Amino acid sequence: MTTDPQHPGGRPPAPRPAALAAAAQSALLGASFALVLSFGLFMLMGFGIDATLVWMLALGLLAFGATFAPTLLIARSRERRAPGA
């Protein structure tokens, strides 16, 4: 693992803005799909709006987190491997 030369002591380098932007865009897209699908399915199955909103929140957060973390790791590894970076 490489460290930031400006901060000795073994701190890993901060993610670059491009990696963060790519991860955030992918995570928002995944979470929005989860929200729309969960709303449609829970209302179609006859759940009340309160249960539907709770499940929408839970599934949206889960989809955001499960998409953001791997996308950020992949984007950072691609940036590190890029020639001239």
PDB file of N, CA and C in Angstrom:
ATOM      1  N   MET A   1       0.853  -1.180   0.000  1.00  0.00           N
ATOM      2  CA  MET A   1       0.000   0.000   0.000  1.00  0.00           C
ATOM      3  C   MET A   1       0.893   1.234   0.000  1.00  0.00           C
ATOM      4  N   THR A   2       0.594   2.171  -0.854  1.00  0.00           N
ATOM      5  CA  THR A   2       1.370   3.404  -0.911  1.00  0.00           C
ATOM      6  C   THR A   2       0.841   4.382   0.120  1.00  0.00           C
ATOM      7  N   THR A   3       1.721   5.255   0.562  1.00  0.00           N
ATOM      8  CA  THR A   3       1.315   6.269   1.533  1.00  0.00           C
ATOM      9  C   THR A   3       1.504   7.646   0.931  1.00  0.00           C
ATOM     10  N   ASP A   4       0.841   8.603   1.510  1.00  0.00           N
ATOM     11  CA  ASP A   4       0.928   9.984   1.056  1.00  0.00           C
ATOM     12  C   ASP A   4       2.245  10.572   1.547  1.00  0.00           C
ATOM     13  N   PRO A   5       3.148  11.034   0.661  1.00  0.00           N
ATOM     14  CA  PRO A   5       4.446  11.536   1.113  1.00  0.00           C
ATOM     15  C   PRO A   5       4.335  12.803   1.952  1.00  0.00           C
ATOM     16  N   GLN A   6       3.250  13.535   1.822  1.00  0.00           N
ATOM     17  CA  GLN A   6       3.088  14.753   2.609  1.00  0.00           C
ATOM     18  C   GLN A   6       2.620  14.457   4.029  1.00  0.00           C
ATOM     19  N   HIS A   7       2.126  13.246   4.268  1.00  0.00           N
ATOM     20  CA  HIS A   7       1.647  12.861   5.595  1.00  0.00           C
ATOM     21  C   HIS A   7       2.318  11.553   6.002  1.00  0.00           C
ATOM     22  N   PRO A   8       3.516  11.640   6.584  1.00  0.00           N
ATOM     23  CA  PRO A   8       4.183  10.399   6.982  1.00  0.00           C
ATOM     24  C   PRO A   8       3.426   9.729   8.126  1.00  0.00           C
ATOM     25  N   GLY A   9       3.659   8.464   8.267  1.00  0.00           N
ATOM     26  CA  GLY A   9       3.023   7.729   9.346  1.00  0.00           C
ATOM     27  C   GLY A   9       2.088   6.649   8.838  1.00  0.00           C
ATOM     28  N   GLY A  10       2.108   6.383   7.544  1.00  0.00           N
ATOM     29  CA  GLY A  10       1.332   5.273   7.031  1.00  0.00           C
ATOM     30  C   GLY A  10      -0.091   5.580   6.636  1.00  0.00           C
ATOM     31  N   ARG A  11      -0.453   6.853   6.519  1.00  0.00           N
ATOM     32  CA  ARG A  11      -1.821   7.172   6.091  1.00  0.00           C
ATOM     33  C   ARG A  11      -1.976   6.871   4.613  1.00  0.00           C
ATOM     34  N   PRO A  12      -3.055   6.187   4.227  1.00  0.00           N
ATOM     35  CA  PRO A  12      -3.265   5.958   2.797  1.00  0.00           C
ATOM     36  C   PRO A  12      -3.673   7.250   2.108  1.00  0.00           C
ATOM     37  N   PRO A  13      -3.405   7.363   0.823  1.00  0.00           N
ATOM     38  CA  PRO A  13      -3.786   8.589   0.111  1.00  0.00           C
ATOM     39  C   PRO A  13      -5.301   8.734   0.048  1.00  0.00           C
ATOM     40  N   ALA A  14      -5.755   9.962   0.024  1.00  0.00           N
ATOM     41  CA  ALA A  14      -7.192  10.239  -0.052  1.00  0.00           C
ATOM     42  C   ALA A  14      -7.706   9.896  -1.444  1.00  0.00           C
ATOM     43  N   PRO A  15      -8.965   9.478  -1.536  1.00  0.00           N
ATOM     44  CA  PRO A  15      -9.513   9.188  -2.865  1.00  0.00           C
ATOM     45  C   PRO A  15      -9.554  10.439  -3.723  1.00  0.00           C
ATOM     46  N   ARG A  16      -9.338  10.268  -4.991  1.00  0.00           N
ATOM     47  CA  ARG A  16      -9.379  11.402  -5.908  1.00  0.00           C
ATOM     48  C   ARG A  16     -10.821  11.772  -6.198  1.00  0.00           C
ATOM     49  N   PRO A  17     -11.046  13.038  -6.548  1.00  0.00           N
ATOM     50  CA  PRO A  17     -12.423  13.474  -6.819  1.00  0.00           C
ATOM     51  C   PRO A  17     -13.103  12.692  -7.940  1.00  0.00           C
ATOM     52  N   ALA A  18     -12.358  12.256  -8.939  1.00  0.00           N
ATOM     53  CA  ALA A  18     -12.978  11.499 -10.036  1.00  0.00           C
ATOM     54  C   ALA A  18     -13.502  10.157  -9.542  1.00  0.00           C
ATOM     55  N   ALA A  19     -12.745   9.506  -8.662  1.00  0.00           N
ATOM     56  CA  ALA A  19     -13.196   8.225  -8.118  1.00  0.00           C
ATOM     57  C   ALA A  19     -14.424   8.417  -7.240  1.00  0.00           C
ATOM     58  N   LEU A  20     -14.418   9.467  -6.430  1.00  0.00           N
ATOM     59  CA  LEU A  20     -15.581   9.742  -5.585  1.00  0.00           C
ATOM     60  C   LEU A  20     -16.805  10.079  -6.417  1.00  0.00           C
ATOM     61  N   ALA A  21     -16.618  10.847  -7.470  1.00  0.00           N
ATOM     62  CA  ALA A  21     -17.751  11.225  -8.317  1.00  0.00           C
ATOM     63  C   ALA A  21     -18.334  10.007  -9.020  1.00  0.00           C
ATOM     64  N   ALA A  22     -17.479   9.140  -9.534  1.00  0.00           N
ATOM     65  CA  ALA A  22     -17.972   7.938 -10.216  1.00  0.00           C
ATOM     66  C   ALA A  22     -18.717   7.031  -9.249  1.00  0.00           C
ATOM     67  N   ALA A  23     -18.176   6.882  -8.043  1.00  0.00           N
ATOM     68  CA  ALA A  23     -18.834   6.028  -7.057  1.00  0.00           C
ATOM     69  C   ALA A  23     -20.162   6.618  -6.606  1.00  0.00           C
ATOM     70  N   ALA A  24     -20.205   7.924  -6.397  1.00  0.00           N
ATOM     71  CA  ALA A  24     -21.451   8.561  -5.958  1.00  0.00           C
ATOM     72  C   ALA A  24     -22.524   8.490  -7.038  1.00  0.00           C
ATOM     73  N   GLN A  25     -22.137   8.694  -8.290  1.00  0.00           N
ATOM     74  CA  GLN A  25     -23.113   8.611  -9.382  1.00  0.00           C
ATOM     75  C   GLN A  25     -23.684   7.207  -9.508  1.00  0.00           C
ATOM     76  N   SER A  26     -22.831   6.213  -9.439  1.00  0.00           N
ATOM     77  CA  SER A  26     -23.301   4.832  -9.536  1.00  0.00           C
ATOM     78  C   SER A  26     -24.190   4.467  -8.359  1.00  0.00           C
ATOM     79  N   ALA A  27     -23.805   4.911  -7.169  1.00  0.00           N
ATOM     80  CA  ALA A  27     -24.591   4.594  -5.980  1.00  0.00           C
ATOM     81  C   ALA A  27     -25.949   5.280  -6.005  1.00  0.00           C
ATOM     82  N   LEU A  28     -26.002   6.526  -6.454  1.00  0.00           N
ATOM     83  CA  LEU A  28     -27.295   7.210  -6.549  1.00  0.00           C
ATOM     84  C   LEU A  28     -28.201   6.547  -7.576  1.00  0.00           C
ATOM     85  N   LEU A  29     -27.628   6.109  -8.671  1.00  0.00           N
ATOM     86  CA  LEU A  29     -28.421   5.423  -9.684  1.00  0.00           C
ATOM     87  C   LEU A  29     -28.969   4.103  -9.140  1.00  0.00           C
ATOM     88  N   GLY A  30     -28.133   3.338  -8.467  1.00  0.00           N
ATOM     89  CA  GLY A  30     -28.585   2.074  -7.879  1.00  0.00           C
ATOM     90  C   GLY A  30     -29.633   2.272  -6.804  1.00  0.00           C
ATOM     91  N   ALA A  31     -29.445   3.289  -5.960  1.00  0.00           N
ATOM     92  CA  ALA A  31     -30.420   3.562  -4.902  1.00  0.00           C
ATOM     93  C   ALA A  31     -31.742   4.036  -5.481  1.00  0.00           C
ATOM     94  N   SER A  32     -31.703   4.830  -6.534  1.00  0.00           N
ATOM     95  CA  SER A  32     -32.960   5.304  -7.120  1.00  0.00           C
ATOM     96  C   SER A  32     -33.732   4.152  -7.755  1.00  0.00           C
ATOM     97  N   PHE A  33     -33.040   3.218  -8.393  1.00  0.00           N
ATOM     98  CA  PHE A  33     -33.724   2.029  -8.915  1.00  0.00           C
ATOM     99  C   PHE A  33     -34.368   1.240  -7.781  1.00  0.00           C
ATOM    100  N   ALA A  34     -33.633   1.071  -6.684  1.00  0.00           N
ATOM    101  CA  ALA A  34     -34.176   0.323  -5.547  1.00  0.00           C
ATOM    102  C   ALA A  34     -35.397   1.022  -4.964  1.00  0.00           C
ATOM    103  N   LEU A  35     -35.376   2.348  -4.893  1.00  0.00           N
ATOM    104  CA  LEU A  35     -36.517   3.086  -4.345  1.00  0.00           C
ATOM    105  C   LEU A  35     -37.753   2.941  -5.223  1.00  0.00           C
ATOM    106  N   VAL A  36     -37.577   3.085  -6.513  1.00  0.00           N
ATOM    107  CA  VAL A  36     -38.726   2.981  -7.424  1.00  0.00           C
ATOM    108  C   VAL A  36     -39.298   1.566  -7.410  1.00  0.00           C
ATOM    109  N   LEU A  37     -38.428   0.567  -7.484  1.00  0.00           N
ATOM    110  CA  LEU A  37     -38.905  -0.812  -7.476  1.00  0.00           C
ATOM    111  C   LEU A  37     -39.577  -1.179  -6.159  1.00  0.00           C
ATOM    112  N   SER A  38     -38.976  -0.772  -5.041  1.00  0.00           N
ATOM    113  CA  SER A  38     -39.585  -1.112  -3.752  1.00  0.00           C
ATOM    114  C   SER A  38     -40.922  -0.409  -3.571  1.00  0.00           C
ATOM    115  N   PHE A  39     -41.045   0.829  -4.018  1.00  0.00           N
ATOM    116  CA  PHE A  39     -42.331   1.514  -3.912  1.00  0.00           C
ATOM    117  C   PHE A  39     -43.394   0.779  -4.716  1.00  0.00           C
ATOM    118  N   GLY A  40     -43.069   0.457  -5.950  1.00  0.00           N
ATOM    119  CA  GLY A  40     -44.043  -0.233  -6.791  1.00  0.00           C
ATOM    120  C   GLY A  40     -44.440  -1.592  -6.245  1.00  0.00           C
ATOM    121  N   LEU A  41     -43.451  -2.374  -5.832  1.00  0.00           N
ATOM    122  CA  LEU A  41     -43.751  -3.720  -5.345  1.00  0.00           C
ATOM    123  C   LEU A  41     -44.518  -3.710  -4.027  1.00  0.00           C
ATOM    124  N   PHE A  42     -44.118  -2.874  -3.083  1.00  0.00           N
ATOM    125  CA  PHE A  42     -44.798  -2.866  -1.791  1.00  0.00           C
ATOM    126  C   PHE A  42     -46.214  -2.314  -1.900  1.00  0.00           C
ATOM    127  N   MET A  43     -46.417  -1.328  -2.750  1.00  0.00           N
ATOM    128  CA  MET A  43     -47.777  -0.817  -2.927  1.00  0.00           C
ATOM    129  C   MET A  43     -48.632  -1.820  -3.697  1.00  0.00           C
ATOM    130  N   LEU A  44     -48.039  -2.520  -4.646  1.00  0.00           N
ATOM    131  CA  LEU A  44     -48.766  -3.534  -5.404  1.00  0.00           C
ATOM    132  C   LEU A  44     -49.185  -4.699  -4.508  1.00  0.00           C
ATOM    133  N   MET A  45     -48.340  -5.046  -3.545  1.00  0.00           N
ATOM    134  CA  MET A  45     -48.657  -6.144  -2.634  1.00  0.00           C
ATOM    135  C   MET A  45     -49.643  -5.732  -1.543  1.00  0.00           C
ATOM    136  N   GLY A  46     -49.988  -4.470  -1.472  1.00  0.00           N
ATOM    137  CA  GLY A  46     -51.014  -4.040  -0.538  1.00  0.00           C
ATOM    138  C   GLY A  46     -50.518  -3.571   0.814  1.00  0.00           C
ATOM    139  N   PHE A  47     -49.240  -3.302   0.957  1.00  0.00           N
ATOM    140  CA  PHE A  47     -48.732  -2.763   2.219  1.00  0.00           C
ATOM    141  C   PHE A  47     -49.172  -1.314   2.351  1.00  0.00           C
ATOM    142  N   GLY A  48     -49.246  -0.832   3.573  1.00  0.00           N
ATOM    143  CA  GLY A  48     -49.583   0.568   3.800  1.00  0.00           C
ATOM    144  C   GLY A  48     -48.424   1.473   3.432  1.00  0.00           C
ATOM    145  N   ILE A  49     -48.715   2.767   3.366  1.00  0.00           N
ATOM    146  CA  ILE A  49     -47.680   3.719   2.969  1.00  0.00           C
ATOM    147  C   ILE A  49     -46.578   3.819   4.017  1.00  0.00           C
ATOM    148  N   ASP A  50     -46.919   3.627   5.301  1.00  0.00           N
ATOM    149  CA  ASP A  50     -45.892   3.715   6.348  1.00  0.00           C
ATOM    150  C   ASP A  50     -44.889   2.570   6.238  1.00  0.00           C
ATOM    151  N   ALA A  51     -45.364   1.358   6.040  1.00  0.00           N
ATOM    152  CA  ALA A  51     -44.449   0.223   5.873  1.00  0.00           C
ATOM    153  C   ALA A  51     -43.654   0.360   4.578  1.00  0.00           C
ATOM    154  N   THR A  52     -44.310   0.864   3.550  1.00  0.00           N
ATOM    155  CA  THR A  52     -43.629   1.046   2.265  1.00  0.00           C
ATOM    156  C   THR A  52     -42.489   2.043   2.394  1.00  0.00           C
ATOM    157  N   LEU A  53     -42.721   3.151   3.086  1.00  0.00           N
ATOM    158  CA  LEU A  53     -41.668   4.163   3.241  1.00  0.00           C
ATOM    159  C   LEU A  53     -40.499   3.651   4.063  1.00  0.00           C
ATOM    160  N   VAL A  54     -40.788   2.869   5.104  1.00  0.00           N
ATOM    161  CA  VAL A  54     -39.706   2.309   5.919  1.00  0.00           C
ATOM    162  C   VAL A  54     -38.849   1.365   5.077  1.00  0.00           C
ATOM    163  N   TRP A  55     -39.494   0.498   4.318  1.00  0.00           N
ATOM    164  CA  TRP A  55     -38.745  -0.425   3.478  1.00  0.00           C
ATOM    165  C   TRP A  55     -38.006   0.299   2.361  1.00  0.00           C
ATOM    166  N   MET A  56     -38.617   1.346   1.817  1.00  0.00           N
ATOM    167  CA  MET A  56     -37.931   2.127   0.783  1.00  0.00           C
ATOM    168  C   MET A  56     -36.649   2.739   1.334  1.00  0.00           C
ATOM    169  N   LEU A  57     -36.725   3.300   2.534  1.00  0.00           N
ATOM    170  CA  LEU A  57     -35.543   3.900   3.151  1.00  0.00           C
ATOM    171  C   LEU A  57     -34.466   2.846   3.394  1.00  0.00           C
ATOM    172  N   ALA A  58     -34.873   1.716   3.957  1.00  0.00           N
ATOM    173  CA  ALA A  58     -33.903   0.664   4.263  1.00  0.00           C
ATOM    174  C   ALA A  58     -33.250   0.117   2.992  1.00  0.00           C
ATOM    175  N   LEU A  59     -34.051  -0.179   1.997  1.00  0.00           N
ATOM    176  CA  LEU A  59     -33.494  -0.739   0.765  1.00  0.00           C
ATOM    177  C   LEU A  59     -32.677   0.292  -0.015  1.00  0.00           C
ATOM    178  N   GLY A  60     -33.084   1.557   0.038  1.00  0.00           N
ATOM    179  CA  GLY A  60     -32.317   2.604  -0.625  1.00  0.00           C
ATOM    180  C   GLY A  60     -30.943   2.788  -0.002  1.00  0.00           C
ATOM    181  N   LEU A  61     -30.894   2.805   1.337  1.00  0.00           N
ATOM    182  CA  LEU A  61     -29.600   2.928   2.019  1.00  0.00           C
ATOM    183  C   LEU A  61     -28.714   1.716   1.761  1.00  0.00           C
ATOM    184  N   LEU A  62     -29.318   0.543   1.780  1.00  0.00           N
ATOM    185  CA  LEU A  62     -28.558  -0.674   1.514  1.00  0.00           C
ATOM    186  C   LEU A  62     -28.004  -0.675   0.092  1.00  0.00           C
ATOM    187  N   ALA A  63     -28.827  -0.290  -0.864  1.00  0.00           N
ATOM    188  CA  ALA A  63     -28.368  -0.252  -2.257  1.00  0.00           C
ATOM    189  C   ALA A  63     -27.284   0.798  -2.453  1.00  0.00           C
ATOM    190  N   PHE A  64     -27.427   1.956  -1.796  1.00  0.00           N
ATOM    191  CA  PHE A  64     -26.412   3.004  -1.925  1.00  0.00           C
ATOM    192  C   PHE A  64     -25.076   2.516  -1.381  1.00  0.00           C
ATOM    193  N   GLY A  65     -25.092   1.983  -0.175  1.00  0.00           N
ATOM    194  CA  GLY A  65     -23.846   1.522   0.433  1.00  0.00           C
ATOM    195  C   GLY A  65     -23.210   0.358  -0.301  1.00  0.00           C
ATOM    196  N   ALA A  66     -24.048  -0.567  -0.760  1.00  0.00           N
ATOM    197  CA  ALA A  66     -23.526  -1.747  -1.448  1.00  0.00           C
ATOM    198  C   ALA A  66     -23.013  -1.416  -2.842  1.00  0.00           C
ATOM    199  N   THR A  67     -23.405  -0.285  -3.386  1.00  0.00           N
ATOM    200  CA  THR A  67     -22.896   0.133  -4.695  1.00  0.00           C
ATOM    201  C   THR A  67     -21.712   1.078  -4.546  1.00  0.00           C
ATOM    202  N   PHE A  68     -21.756   1.973  -3.550  1.00  0.00           N
ATOM    203  CA  PHE A  68     -20.724   2.996  -3.397  1.00  0.00           C
ATOM    204  C   PHE A  68     -19.361   2.388  -3.065  1.00  0.00           C
ATOM    205  N   ALA A  69     -19.321   1.503  -2.084  1.00  0.00           N
ATOM    206  CA  ALA A  69     -18.036   0.976  -1.621  1.00  0.00           C
ATOM    207  C   ALA A  69     -17.279   0.212  -2.711  1.00  0.00           C
ATOM    208  N   PRO A  70     -17.892  -0.774  -3.378  1.00  0.00           N
ATOM    209  CA  PRO A  70     -17.123  -1.475  -4.423  1.00  0.00           C
ATOM    210  C   PRO A  70     -16.762  -0.582  -5.605  1.00  0.00           C
ATOM    211  N   THR A  71     -17.656   0.333  -5.961  1.00  0.00           N
ATOM    212  CA  THR A  71     -17.361   1.217  -7.091  1.00  0.00           C
ATOM    213  C   THR A  71     -16.186   2.128  -6.764  1.00  0.00           C
ATOM    214  N   LEU A  72     -16.129   2.626  -5.536  1.00  0.00           N
ATOM    215  CA  LEU A  72     -15.003   3.470  -5.129  1.00  0.00           C
ATOM    216  C   LEU A  72     -13.698   2.680  -5.151  1.00  0.00           C
ATOM    217  N   LEU A  73     -13.726   1.461  -4.639  1.00  0.00           N
ATOM    218  CA  LEU A  73     -12.512   0.644  -4.635  1.00  0.00           C
ATOM    219  C   LEU A  73     -12.040   0.331  -6.052  1.00  0.00           C
ATOM    220  N   ILE A  74     -12.964   0.014  -6.934  1.00  0.00           N
ATOM    221  CA  ILE A  74     -12.595  -0.293  -8.317  1.00  0.00           C
ATOM    222  C   ILE A  74     -12.063   0.951  -9.025  1.00  0.00           C
ATOM    223  N   ALA A  75     -12.718   2.089  -8.830  1.00  0.00           N
ATOM    224  CA  ALA A  75     -12.268   3.325  -9.484  1.00  0.00           C
ATOM    225  C   ALA A  75     -10.885   3.737  -8.984  1.00  0.00           C
ATOM    226  N   ARG A  76     -10.639   3.586  -7.683  1.00  0.00           N
ATOM    227  CA  ARG A  76      -9.315   3.937  -7.151  1.00  0.00           C
ATOM    228  C   ARG A  76      -8.239   3.005  -7.682  1.00  0.00           C
ATOM    229  N   SER A  77      -8.550   1.707  -7.791  1.00  0.00           N
ATOM    230  CA  SER A  77      -7.534   0.781  -8.297  1.00  0.00           C
ATOM    231  C   SER A  77      -7.245   1.046  -9.775  1.00  0.00           C
ATOM    232  N   ARG A  78      -8.255   1.438 -10.535  1.00  0.00           N
ATOM    233  CA  ARG A  78      -8.023   1.773 -11.947  1.00  0.00           C
ATOM    234  C   ARG A  78      -7.192   3.039 -12.078  1.00  0.00           C
ATOM    235  N   GLU A  79      -7.421   4.012 -11.193  1.00  0.00           N
ATOM    236  CA  GLU A  79      -6.620   5.240 -11.241  1.00  0.00           C
ATOM    237  C   GLU A  79      -5.170   4.965 -10.889  1.00  0.00           C
ATOM    238  N   ARG A  80      -4.938   4.061  -9.949  1.00  0.00           N
ATOM    239  CA  ARG A  80      -3.564   3.740  -9.568  1.00  0.00           C
ATOM    240  C   ARG A  80      -2.824   3.017 -10.681  1.00  0.00           C
ATOM    241  N   ARG A  81      -3.545   2.187 -11.421  1.00  0.00           N
ATOM    242  CA  ARG A  81      -2.914   1.417 -12.492  1.00  0.00           C
ATOM    243  C   ARG A  81      -2.750   2.209 -13.778  1.00  0.00           C
ATOM    244  N   ALA A  82      -3.422   3.343 -13.879  1.00  0.00           N
ATOM    245  CA  ALA A  82      -3.363   4.135 -15.111  1.00  0.00           C
ATOM    246  C   ALA A  82      -1.943   4.661 -15.317  1.00  0.00           C
ATOM    247  N   PRO A  83      -1.423   4.557 -16.529  1.00  0.00           N
ATOM    248  CA  PRO A  83      -0.067   5.064 -16.776  1.00  0.00           C
ATOM    249  C   PRO A  83      -0.034   6.583 -16.678  1.00  0.00           C
ATOM    250  N   GLY A  84       0.995   7.073 -16.045  1.00  0.00           N
ATOM    251  CA  GLY A  84       1.162   8.515 -15.906  1.00  0.00           C
ATOM    252  C   GLY A  84       0.343   9.127 -14.795  1.00  0.00           C
ATOM    253  N   ALA A  85      -0.259   8.306 -13.947  1.00  0.00           N
ATOM    254  CA  ALA A  85      -1.071   8.860 -12.863  1.00  0.00           C
ATOM    255  C   ALA A  85      -0.258   9.038 -11.614  1.00  0.00           C
TER     256      ALA A  85
END
